[in-house]
C-alpha atoms as a PDB file:
ATOM      1  CA  MET A   1      -4.477 133.744  31.735  1.00  0.00           C
ATOM      2  CA  ALA A   2      -3.277 129.766  31.754  1.00  0.00           C
ATOM      3  CA  LYS A   3      -0.714 129.267  29.945  1.00  0.00           C
ATOM      4  CA  ALA A   4      -0.101 127.240  26.813  1.00  0.00           C
ATOM      5  CA  GLU A   5       0.505 123.032  27.487  1.00  0.00           C
ATOM      6  CA  VAL A   6       4.118 121.784  25.557  1.00  0.00           C
ATOM      7  CA  LYS A   7       3.851 118.679  24.766  1.00  0.00           C
ATOM      8  CA  LYS A   8       6.269 116.874  24.863  1.00  0.00           C
ATOM      9  CA  ASP A   9       7.266 113.586  22.967  1.00  0.00           C
ATOM     10  CA  GLY A  10       8.819 110.802  25.418  1.00  0.00           C
ATOM     11  CA  PRO A  11      12.468 109.377  25.674  1.00  0.00           C
ATOM     12  CA  ILE A  12      12.023 106.745  23.241  1.00  0.00           C
ATOM     13  CA  LYS A  13      10.664 108.854  20.127  1.00  0.00           C
ATOM     14  CA  GLU A  14      13.011 111.564  20.889  1.00  0.00           C
ATOM     15  CA  THR A  15      15.475 109.120  20.321  1.00  0.00           C
ATOM     16  CA  ILE A  16      14.233 107.372  17.528  1.00  0.00           C
ATOM     17  CA  LYS A  17      13.899 111.166  15.869  1.00  0.00           C
ATOM     18  CA  THR A  18      17.859 111.281  17.044  1.00  0.00           C
ATOM     19  CA  VAL A  19      18.878 108.992  14.717  1.00  0.00           C
ATOM     20  CA  VAL A  20      16.857 109.256  12.470  1.00  0.00           C
ATOM     21  CA  TYR A  21      17.988 113.065  11.896  1.00  0.00           C
ATOM     22  CA  ALA A  22      21.902 112.050  12.684  1.00  0.00           C
ATOM     23  CA  LEU A  23      21.233 109.257   9.068  1.00  0.00           C
ATOM     24  CA  LEU A  24      19.731 111.484   7.149  1.00  0.00           C
ATOM     25  CA  ILE A  25      22.755 113.816   7.354  1.00  0.00           C
ATOM     26  CA  ALA A  26      25.032 111.182   7.197  1.00  0.00           C
ATOM     27  CA  GLY A  27      23.014 109.457   3.645  1.00  0.00           C
ATOM     28  CA  ALA A  28      22.931 113.824   2.555  1.00  0.00           C
ATOM     29  CA  ILE A  29      26.767 114.106   3.678  1.00  0.00           C
ATOM     30  CA  ARG A  30      27.867 111.138   1.638  1.00  0.00           C
ATOM     31  CA  THR A  31      25.597 111.249  -1.452  1.00  0.00           C
ATOM     32  CA  LEU A  32      26.491 115.346  -2.176  1.00  0.00           C
ATOM     33  CA  ILE A  33      30.369 115.173  -0.657  1.00  0.00           C
ATOM     34  CA  PHE A  34      32.515 112.901   0.828  1.00  0.00           C
ATOM     35  CA  GLN A  35      31.933 109.399   0.076  1.00  0.00           C
ATOM     36  CA  PRO A  36      33.861 106.602   2.257  1.00  0.00           C
ATOM     37  CA  PHE A  37      36.512 104.304   0.614  1.00  0.00           C
ATOM     38  CA  TRP A  38      38.423 100.698   1.391  1.00  0.00           C
ATOM     39  CA  ILE A  39      41.498 100.065  -0.575  1.00  0.00           C
ATOM     40  CA  PRO A  40      40.628  96.360  -0.832  1.00  0.00           C
ATOM     41  CA  SER A  41      42.903  95.345  -4.195  1.00  0.00           C
ATOM     42  CA  GLY A  42      47.117  96.754  -4.927  1.00  0.00           C
ATOM     43  CA  SER A  43      46.047  97.696  -8.191  1.00  0.00           C
ATOM     44  CA  MET A  44      47.573 101.382  -7.124  1.00  0.00           C
ATOM     45  CA  LYS A  45      50.605 100.380  -4.945  1.00  0.00           C
ATOM     46  CA  SER A  46      52.920 102.554  -3.578  1.00  0.00           C
ATOM     47  CA  THR A  47      49.651 105.120  -3.713  1.00  0.00           C
ATOM     48  CA  LEU A  48      48.129 103.510  -2.335  1.00  0.00           C
ATOM     49  CA  LEU A  49      48.999 100.512   0.312  1.00  0.00           C
ATOM     50  CA  ILE A  50      46.095  97.673   0.076  1.00  0.00           C
ATOM     51  CA  GLY A  51      43.937  98.648   4.083  1.00  0.00           C
ATOM     52  CA  ASP A  52      44.365 102.362   3.426  1.00  0.00           C
ATOM     53  CA  PHE A  53      41.024 104.412   4.332  1.00  0.00           C
ATOM     54  CA  LEU A  54      39.927 107.221   2.638  1.00  0.00           C
ATOM     55  CA  PHE A  55      37.245 109.750   1.797  1.00  0.00           C
ATOM     56  CA  VAL A  56      36.046 110.636  -1.976  1.00  0.00           C
ATOM     57  CA  ASN A  57      35.071 114.370  -3.157  1.00  0.00           C
ATOM     58  CA  LYS A  58      32.509 114.075  -4.893  1.00  0.00           C
ATOM     59  CA  PHE A  59      32.201 117.793  -4.717  1.00  0.00           C
ATOM     60  CA  ALA A  60      35.123 118.353  -6.502  1.00  0.00           C
ATOM     61  CA  TYR A  61      33.437 117.360 -10.686  1.00  0.00           C
ATOM     62  CA  GLY A  62      30.529 117.922 -10.121  1.00  0.00           C
ATOM     63  CA  TYR A  63      27.210 115.169  -9.778  1.00  0.00           C
ATOM     64  CA  SER A  64      25.280 112.827 -12.070  1.00  0.00           C
ATOM     65  CA  TYR A  65      23.533 109.241 -11.038  1.00  0.00           C
ATOM     66  CA  ALA A  66      27.305 108.089  -9.767  1.00  0.00           C
ATOM     67  CA  SER A  67      27.237 110.184  -7.278  1.00  0.00           C
ATOM     68  CA  CYS A  68      24.061 107.917  -5.290  1.00  0.00           C
ATOM     69  CA  PRO A  69      24.877 105.691  -3.199  1.00  0.00           C
ATOM     70  CA  SER A  70      23.070 102.206  -4.409  1.00  0.00           C
ATOM     71  CA  MET A  71      21.791 100.372  -1.098  1.00  0.00           C
ATOM     72  CA  PHE A  72      20.029  97.332  -0.173  1.00  0.00           C
ATOM     73  CA  GLY A  73      20.747  96.818  -4.458  1.00  0.00           C
ATOM     74  CA  VAL A  74      18.941  99.601  -4.829  1.00  0.00           C
ATOM     75  CA  ASP A  75      20.798 102.159  -7.832  1.00  0.00           C
ATOM     76  CA  PHE A  76      18.058 105.387  -6.143  1.00  0.00           C
ATOM     77  CA  CYS A  77      19.330 108.028  -9.475  1.00  0.00           C
ATOM     78  CA  GLY A  78      19.726 105.005 -12.619  1.00  0.00           C
ATOM     79  CA  PHE A  79      16.980 106.970 -13.766  1.00  0.00           C
ATOM     80  CA  ALA A  80      19.878 109.576 -15.019  1.00  0.00           C
ATOM     81  CA  LYS A  81      21.787 107.025 -16.541  1.00  0.00           C
ATOM     82  CA  GLY A  82      23.042 107.964 -20.277  1.00  0.00           C
ATOM     83  CA  SER A  83      23.454 111.977 -19.274  1.00  0.00           C
ATOM     84  CA  LYS A  84      26.122 113.756 -20.356  1.00  0.00           C
ATOM     85  CA  SER A  85      26.533 116.117 -18.351  1.00  0.00           C
ATOM     86  CA  ARG A  86      27.475 117.135 -14.478  1.00  0.00           C
ATOM     87  CA  LEU A  87      25.695 119.198 -12.038  1.00  0.00           C
ATOM     88  CA  PHE A  88      28.385 121.897 -11.251  1.00  0.00           C
ATOM     89  CA  GLY A  89      30.468 119.763 -12.764  1.00  0.00           C
ATOM     90  CA  SER A  90      34.506 120.662 -13.656  1.00  0.00           C
ATOM     91  CA  ASP A  91      36.791 119.041 -15.649  1.00  0.00           C
ATOM     92  CA  PRO A  92      39.328 116.250 -13.975  1.00  0.00           C
ATOM     93  CA  GLU A  93      43.255 117.335 -14.756  1.00  0.00           C
ATOM     94  CA  ARG A  94      45.060 114.062 -15.999  1.00  0.00           C
ATOM     95  CA  GLY A  95      46.785 112.399 -13.019  1.00  0.00           C
ATOM     96  CA  ASP A  96      43.858 112.851 -10.802  1.00  0.00           C
ATOM     97  CA  VAL A  97      43.222 109.728  -8.280  1.00  0.00           C
ATOM     98  CA  ILE A  98      39.610 109.314  -8.733  1.00  0.00           C
ATOM     99  CA  VAL A  99      37.167 106.728  -7.545  1.00  0.00           C
ATOM    100  CA  PHE A 100      34.202 105.746 -10.784  1.00  0.00           C
ATOM    101  CA  LYS A 101      31.647 103.012 -11.684  1.00  0.00           C
ATOM    102  CA  HIS A 102      32.576 100.971 -14.076  1.00  0.00           C
ATOM    103  CA  PRO A 103      30.867 100.809 -17.540  1.00  0.00           C
ATOM    104  CA  VAL A 104      29.590  97.051 -17.522  1.00  0.00           C
ATOM    105  CA  SER A 105      29.819  96.253 -14.410  1.00  0.00           C
ATOM    106  CA  GLY A 106      29.207  99.264 -12.074  1.00  0.00           C
ATOM    107  CA  GLU A 107      31.224  98.129  -9.255  1.00  0.00           C
ATOM    108  CA  ASP A 108      33.428 101.059  -7.865  1.00  0.00           C
ATOM    109  CA  TYR A 109      36.773 101.963  -8.908  1.00  0.00           C
ATOM    110  CA  ILE A 110      40.287 103.893  -7.766  1.00  0.00           C
ATOM    111  CA  LYS A 111      42.392 104.566 -10.731  1.00  0.00           C
ATOM    112  CA  ARG A 112      44.457 107.783 -12.497  1.00  0.00           C
ATOM    113  CA  LEU A 113      43.677 109.609 -14.601  1.00  0.00           C
ATOM    114  CA  ILE A 114      45.460 109.502 -17.783  1.00  0.00           C
ATOM    115  CA  GLY A 115      44.273 110.159 -21.265  1.00  0.00           C
ATOM    116  CA  LEU A 116      41.656 113.340 -21.266  1.00  0.00           C
ATOM    117  CA  PRO A 117      38.978 113.747 -24.333  1.00  0.00           C
ATOM    118  CA  GLY A 118      41.192 114.071 -28.086  1.00  0.00           C
ATOM    119  CA  ASP A 119      44.310 111.915 -26.623  1.00  0.00           C
ATOM    120  CA  HIS A 120      46.385 109.756 -28.169  1.00  0.00           C
ATOM    121  CA  ILE A 121      47.486 107.137 -25.290  1.00  0.00           C
ATOM    122  CA  GLN A 122      49.439 103.685 -25.819  1.00  0.00           C
ATOM    123  CA  MET A 123      52.101 101.119 -24.178  1.00  0.00           C
ATOM    124  CA  LYS A 124      55.260 100.360 -25.620  1.00  0.00           C
ATOM    125  CA  ASP A 125      57.982  97.827 -24.286  1.00  0.00           C
ATOM    126  CA  GLY A 126      56.462  99.182 -20.318  1.00  0.00           C
ATOM    127  CA  LEU A 127      56.259 103.211 -21.080  1.00  0.00           C
ATOM    128  CA  LEU A 128      53.561 104.853 -21.800  1.00  0.00           C
ATOM    129  CA  TYR A 129      52.624 107.398 -24.223  1.00  0.00           C
ATOM    130  CA  ILE A 130      50.664 110.392 -24.906  1.00  0.00           C
ATOM    131  CA  ASN A 131      49.687 111.590 -28.732  1.00  0.00           C
ATOM    132  CA  GLY A 132      52.469 110.174 -29.602  1.00  0.00           C
ATOM    133  CA  VAL A 133      55.569 111.377 -26.780  1.00  0.00           C
ATOM    134  CA  ALA A 134      56.802 108.828 -23.823  1.00  0.00           C
ATOM    135  CA  VAL A 135      56.712 110.295 -20.687  1.00  0.00           C
ATOM    136  CA  ALA A 136      59.121 111.046 -18.617  1.00  0.00           C
ATOM    137  CA  ILE A 137      60.640 108.345 -16.128  1.00  0.00           C
ATOM    138  CA  THR A 138      63.370 107.960 -12.738  1.00  0.00           C
ATOM    139  CA  PRO A 139      64.082 105.018 -11.366  1.00  0.00           C
ATOM    140  CA  ASP A 140      63.648 105.137  -7.882  1.00  0.00           C
ATOM    141  CA  GLY A 141      64.900 102.611  -5.607  1.00  0.00           C
ATOM    142  CA  THR A 142      62.850  99.556  -4.768  1.00  0.00           C
ATOM    143  CA  PHE A 143      59.598  98.838  -3.491  1.00  0.00           C
ATOM    144  CA  VAL A 144      59.354  96.513  -0.622  1.00  0.00           C
ATOM    145  CA  GLU A 145      56.717  94.855   1.123  1.00  0.00           C
ATOM    146  CA  THR A 146      56.652  92.216   3.110  1.00  0.00           C
ATOM    147  CA  ALA A 147      55.316  88.388   0.748  1.00  0.00           C
ATOM    148  CA  GLU A 148      52.098  87.895   3.134  1.00  0.00           C
ATOM    149  CA  ARG A 149      48.974  87.328   2.685  1.00  0.00           C
ATOM    150  CA  GLN A 150      46.824  91.539   3.036  1.00  0.00           C
ATOM    151  CA  GLY A 151      43.863  92.973   3.684  1.00  0.00           C
ATOM    152  CA  PRO A 152      40.345  91.205   4.362  1.00  0.00           C
ATOM    153  CA  GLU A 153      40.724  89.434   0.976  1.00  0.00           C
ATOM    154  CA  GLY A 154      43.971  87.660   1.980  1.00  0.00           C
ATOM    155  CA  SER A 155      45.477  88.626  -1.598  1.00  0.00           C
ATOM    156  CA  ARG A 156      49.081  88.192  -1.778  1.00  0.00           C
ATOM    157  CA  PRO A 157      51.525  90.583  -3.323  1.00  0.00           C
ATOM    158  CA  ARG A 158      53.435  89.750  -6.619  1.00  0.00           C
ATOM    159  CA  CYS A 159      56.849  89.938  -6.879  1.00  0.00           C
ATOM    160  CA  ILE A 160      59.998  90.395  -9.271  1.00  0.00           C
ATOM    161  CA  ASN A 161      61.843  88.275  -6.779  1.00  0.00           C
ATOM    162  CA  HIS A 162      61.019  85.070  -5.120  1.00  0.00           C
ATOM    163  CA  PRO A 163      60.916  85.153  -1.550  1.00  0.00           C
ATOM    164  CA  ALA A 164      59.313  83.024   0.864  1.00  0.00           C
ATOM    165  CA  PRO A 165      56.590  83.797   3.277  1.00  0.00           C
ATOM    166  CA  GLY A 166      57.335  87.041   5.433  1.00  0.00           C
ATOM    167  CA  GLY A 167      60.269  87.201   3.680  1.00  0.00           C
ATOM    168  CA  ASP A 168      60.656  91.531   1.616  1.00  0.00           C
ATOM    169  CA  CYS A 169      59.039  90.605  -1.419  1.00  0.00           C
ATOM    170  CA  GLU A 170      60.827  93.184  -3.946  1.00  0.00           C
ATOM    171  CA  LYS A 171      59.131  95.592  -7.015  1.00  0.00           C
ATOM    172  CA  GLU A 172      61.203  97.780  -9.606  1.00  0.00           C
ATOM    173  CA  ARG A 173      59.797 101.638  -8.664  1.00  0.00           C
ATOM    174  CA  TYR A 174      59.924 104.374 -11.284  1.00  0.00           C
ATOM    175  CA  ILE A 175      59.350 108.227 -10.610  1.00  0.00           C
ATOM    176  CA  GLU A 176      56.714 109.044 -13.729  1.00  0.00           C
ATOM    177  CA  GLU A 177      55.967 112.704 -14.284  1.00  0.00           C
ATOM    178  CA  LEU A 178      52.803 113.032 -17.020  1.00  0.00           C
ATOM    179  CA  PRO A 179      52.232 115.756 -19.424  1.00  0.00           C
ATOM    180  CA  ASN A 180      51.370 118.868 -16.927  1.00  0.00           C
ATOM    181  CA  GLY A 181      54.165 118.377 -14.622  1.00  0.00           C
ATOM    182  CA  VAL A 182      52.118 115.516 -12.598  1.00  0.00           C
ATOM    183  CA  THR A 183      54.964 113.167 -10.610  1.00  0.00           C
ATOM    184  CA  HIS A 184      53.241 110.219  -9.163  1.00  0.00           C
ATOM    185  CA  THR A 185      55.731 106.825  -8.092  1.00  0.00           C
ATOM    186  CA  ILE A 186      54.796 103.959 -10.277  1.00  0.00           C
ATOM    187  CA  LEU A 187      56.012  99.809 -10.818  1.00  0.00           C
ATOM    188  CA  ASN A 188      56.803  96.832 -12.416  1.00  0.00           C
ATOM    189  CA  PHE A 189      57.773  93.868 -11.239  1.00  0.00           C
ATOM    190  CA  GLN A 190      57.556  91.685 -14.629  1.00  0.00           C
ATOM    191  CA  ASP A 191      56.867  92.158 -18.494  1.00  0.00           C
ATOM    192  CA  SER A 192      52.633  91.657 -18.765  1.00  0.00           C
ATOM    193  CA  ASP A 193      50.784  91.975 -21.747  1.00  0.00           C
ATOM    194  CA  THR A 194      49.335  94.828 -21.369  1.00  0.00           C
ATOM    195  CA  ASP A 195      52.909  96.256 -21.096  1.00  0.00           C
ATOM    196  CA  ASN A 196      52.404  96.724 -24.778  1.00  0.00           C
ATOM    197  CA  THR A 197      49.211  97.762 -26.493  1.00  0.00           C
ATOM    198  CA  ASN A 198      47.478  99.545 -29.412  1.00  0.00           C
ATOM    199  CA  GLU A 199      46.368 103.502 -29.664  1.00  0.00           C
ATOM    200  CA  TYR A 200      43.613 104.148 -28.261  1.00  0.00           C
ATOM    201  CA  VAL A 201      42.124 107.495 -29.357  1.00  0.00           C
ATOM    202  CA  VAL A 202      40.006 108.415 -26.530  1.00  0.00           C
ATOM    203  CA  PRO A 203      36.511 109.645 -27.454  1.00  0.00           C
ATOM    204  CA  GLU A 204      34.953 112.859 -26.610  1.00  0.00           C
ATOM    205  CA  ASN A 205      33.180 112.591 -22.556  1.00  0.00           C
ATOM    206  CA  MET A 206      35.390 109.784 -22.357  1.00  0.00           C
ATOM    207  CA  PHE A 207      38.580 108.924 -19.666  1.00  0.00           C
ATOM    208  CA  PHE A 208      41.288 106.520 -19.891  1.00  0.00           C
ATOM    209  CA  PHE A 209      42.463 105.357 -16.638  1.00  0.00           C
ATOM    210  CA  MET A 210      45.419 102.980 -14.624  1.00  0.00           C
ATOM    211  CA  GLY A 211      46.667 101.519 -12.468  1.00  0.00           C
ATOM    212  CA  ASP A 212      49.952 102.553 -10.861  1.00  0.00           C
ATOM    213  CA  ASN A 213      51.080  99.211  -9.713  1.00  0.00           C
ATOM    214  CA  ARG A 214      51.520  97.986 -13.413  1.00  0.00           C
ATOM    215  CA  ASP A 215      51.513  94.901 -13.584  1.00  0.00           C
ATOM    216  CA  ASN A 216      48.808  94.517 -11.261  1.00  0.00           C
ATOM    217  CA  SER A 217      46.039  96.764 -12.808  1.00  0.00           C
ATOM    218  CA  GLN A 218      42.267  96.096 -14.037  1.00  0.00           C
ATOM    219  CA  ASP A 219      42.299  99.504 -16.732  1.00  0.00           C
ATOM    220  CA  SER A 220      41.366 100.939 -19.211  1.00  0.00           C
ATOM    221  CA  ARG A 221      44.689  99.464 -21.023  1.00  0.00           C
ATOM    222  CA  VAL A 222      41.879  96.636 -21.382  1.00  0.00           C
ATOM    223  CA  PRO A 223      38.888  96.985 -23.957  1.00  0.00           C
ATOM    224  CA  GLN A 224      35.089  96.249 -22.507  1.00  0.00           C
ATOM    225  CA  PRO A 225      33.494  93.418 -21.624  1.00  0.00           C
ATOM    226  CA  HIS A 226      36.783  92.004 -19.737  1.00  0.00           C
ATOM    227  CA  GLY A 227      39.387  94.835 -18.958  1.00  0.00           C
ATOM    228  CA  VAL A 228      38.262  98.923 -17.709  1.00  0.00           C
ATOM    229  CA  GLY A 229      38.078  99.976 -22.014  1.00  0.00           C
ATOM    230  CA  PHE A 230      37.348 104.107 -21.873  1.00  0.00           C
ATOM    231  CA  VAL A 231      34.892 105.539 -19.243  1.00  0.00           C
ATOM    232  CA  PRO A 232      32.024 108.280 -19.041  1.00  0.00           C
ATOM    233  CA  ARG A 233      32.805 111.313 -17.753  1.00  0.00           C
ATOM    234  CA  GLU A 234      29.378 110.400 -15.803  1.00  0.00           C
ATOM    235  CA  ASN A 235      30.479 107.111 -14.332  1.00  0.00           C
ATOM    236  CA  ILE A 236      33.150 109.423 -12.556  1.00  0.00           C
ATOM    237  CA  ILE A 237      32.158 109.827  -8.603  1.00  0.00           C
ATOM    238  CA  GLY A 238      34.738 111.809  -7.201  1.00  0.00           C
ATOM    239  CA  ARG A 239      38.774 112.602  -6.184  1.00  0.00           C
ATOM    240  CA  ALA A 240      41.075 111.383  -3.908  1.00  0.00           C
ATOM    241  CA  ASP A 241      42.593 113.499  -2.033  1.00  0.00           C
ATOM    242  CA  ARG A 242      43.626 111.767   1.378  1.00  0.00           C
ATOM    243  CA  ILE A 243      43.906 108.850   2.832  1.00  0.00           C
ATOM    244  CA  MET A 244      42.652 109.475   6.792  1.00  0.00           C
ATOM    245  CA  PHE A 245      42.832 105.962   8.150  1.00  0.00           C
ATOM    246  CA  SER A 246      45.082 102.215   7.347  1.00  0.00           C
ATOM    247  CA  SER A 247      45.453  99.171   8.856  1.00  0.00           C
ATOM    248  CA  ALA A 248      48.135  96.590   7.560  1.00  0.00           C
ATOM    249  CA  GLY A 249      45.826  93.661   8.924  1.00  0.00           C
ATOM    250  CA  SER A 250      42.360  91.908   8.332  1.00  0.00           C
ATOM    251  CA  SER A 251      40.392  94.018   9.818  1.00  0.00           C
ATOM    252  CA  MET A 252      40.730  97.831  11.283  1.00  0.00           C
ATOM    253  CA  PHE A 253      39.886  96.181  14.324  1.00  0.00           C
ATOM    254  CA  TYR A 254      43.272  94.752  14.874  1.00  0.00           C
ATOM    255  CA  PHE A 255      44.902  98.084  16.371  1.00  0.00           C
ATOM    256  CA  TRP A 256      48.254  96.472  15.805  1.00  0.00           C
ATOM    257  CA  THR A 257      48.381  96.005  11.922  1.00  0.00           C
ATOM    258  CA  TRP A 258      47.507 100.357  11.265  1.00  0.00           C
ATOM    259  CA  ARG A 259      50.163 102.546   9.586  1.00  0.00           C
ATOM    260  CA  SER A 260      50.334 104.972  12.000  1.00  0.00           C
ATOM    261  CA  ASP A 261      52.647 106.713   9.490  1.00  0.00           C
ATOM    262  CA  ARG A 262      49.685 106.486   6.612  1.00  0.00           C
ATOM    263  CA  PHE A 263      47.489 108.080   8.791  1.00  0.00           C
ATOM    264  CA  PHE A 264      45.671 111.874   6.547  1.00  0.00           C
ATOM    265  CA  LYS A 265      48.245 111.157   4.257  1.00  0.00           C
ATOM    266  CA  ALA A 266      47.953 113.503   1.004  1.00  0.00           C
ATOM    267  CA  ILE A 267      47.394 111.130  -1.771  1.00  0.00           C
ATOM    268  CA  GLU A 268      50.120 112.631  -4.717  1.00  0.00           C
END
């Protein structure tokens, strides 16, 4: 009996199939599990520095329209916007560092979760009050960085002192303890408008976010459209757990600017 011949694809077709499968797998991982995120600004210093590269854990809080990445200007999951439920959803915890979509612009932001639904949040003289009680802060010395342009955007750090280019840029550093026991560092370098705010009551299915670099963060302390305001539950993308890579230069390829001490660093 003659054997049936198995027709094999040519090398070019096999290569194309391999590339397509790889892209589909990568797309599925990015959509369902992890999404890469590059820190472009200093709003989360000293927890996160400009040039830190991390993966956002999308599975941590379940999925909404925001979990689906936009590509080529197309919001593939925009049809699901407006739903207050999340597939496999779970509630974020106060103190989590979270990536979310700005409620107005749709841009990706990364901040720390401060206020849960029903919470009363207010800043008084630079001190955070949650439900009428001031959070505990402890002085933690000085945060020092080089007074030079940082990252691809070339932004300059803001300082409590007035260093010459290349000198030491200083900020006051504190340890802040939230009501659930989560501790993290915050920075201060000036008196700002957001050091004193109205009392905000976080609505149902909304959250209140702040940056750790308190005087240099656009966050929920300023209402929309000029600030972030309250963030809907559906706008949450995921939790930032660990820094994978970090570069202090304008390009990740400048190996002499890599911060090896931040590789695989847990985010607290």
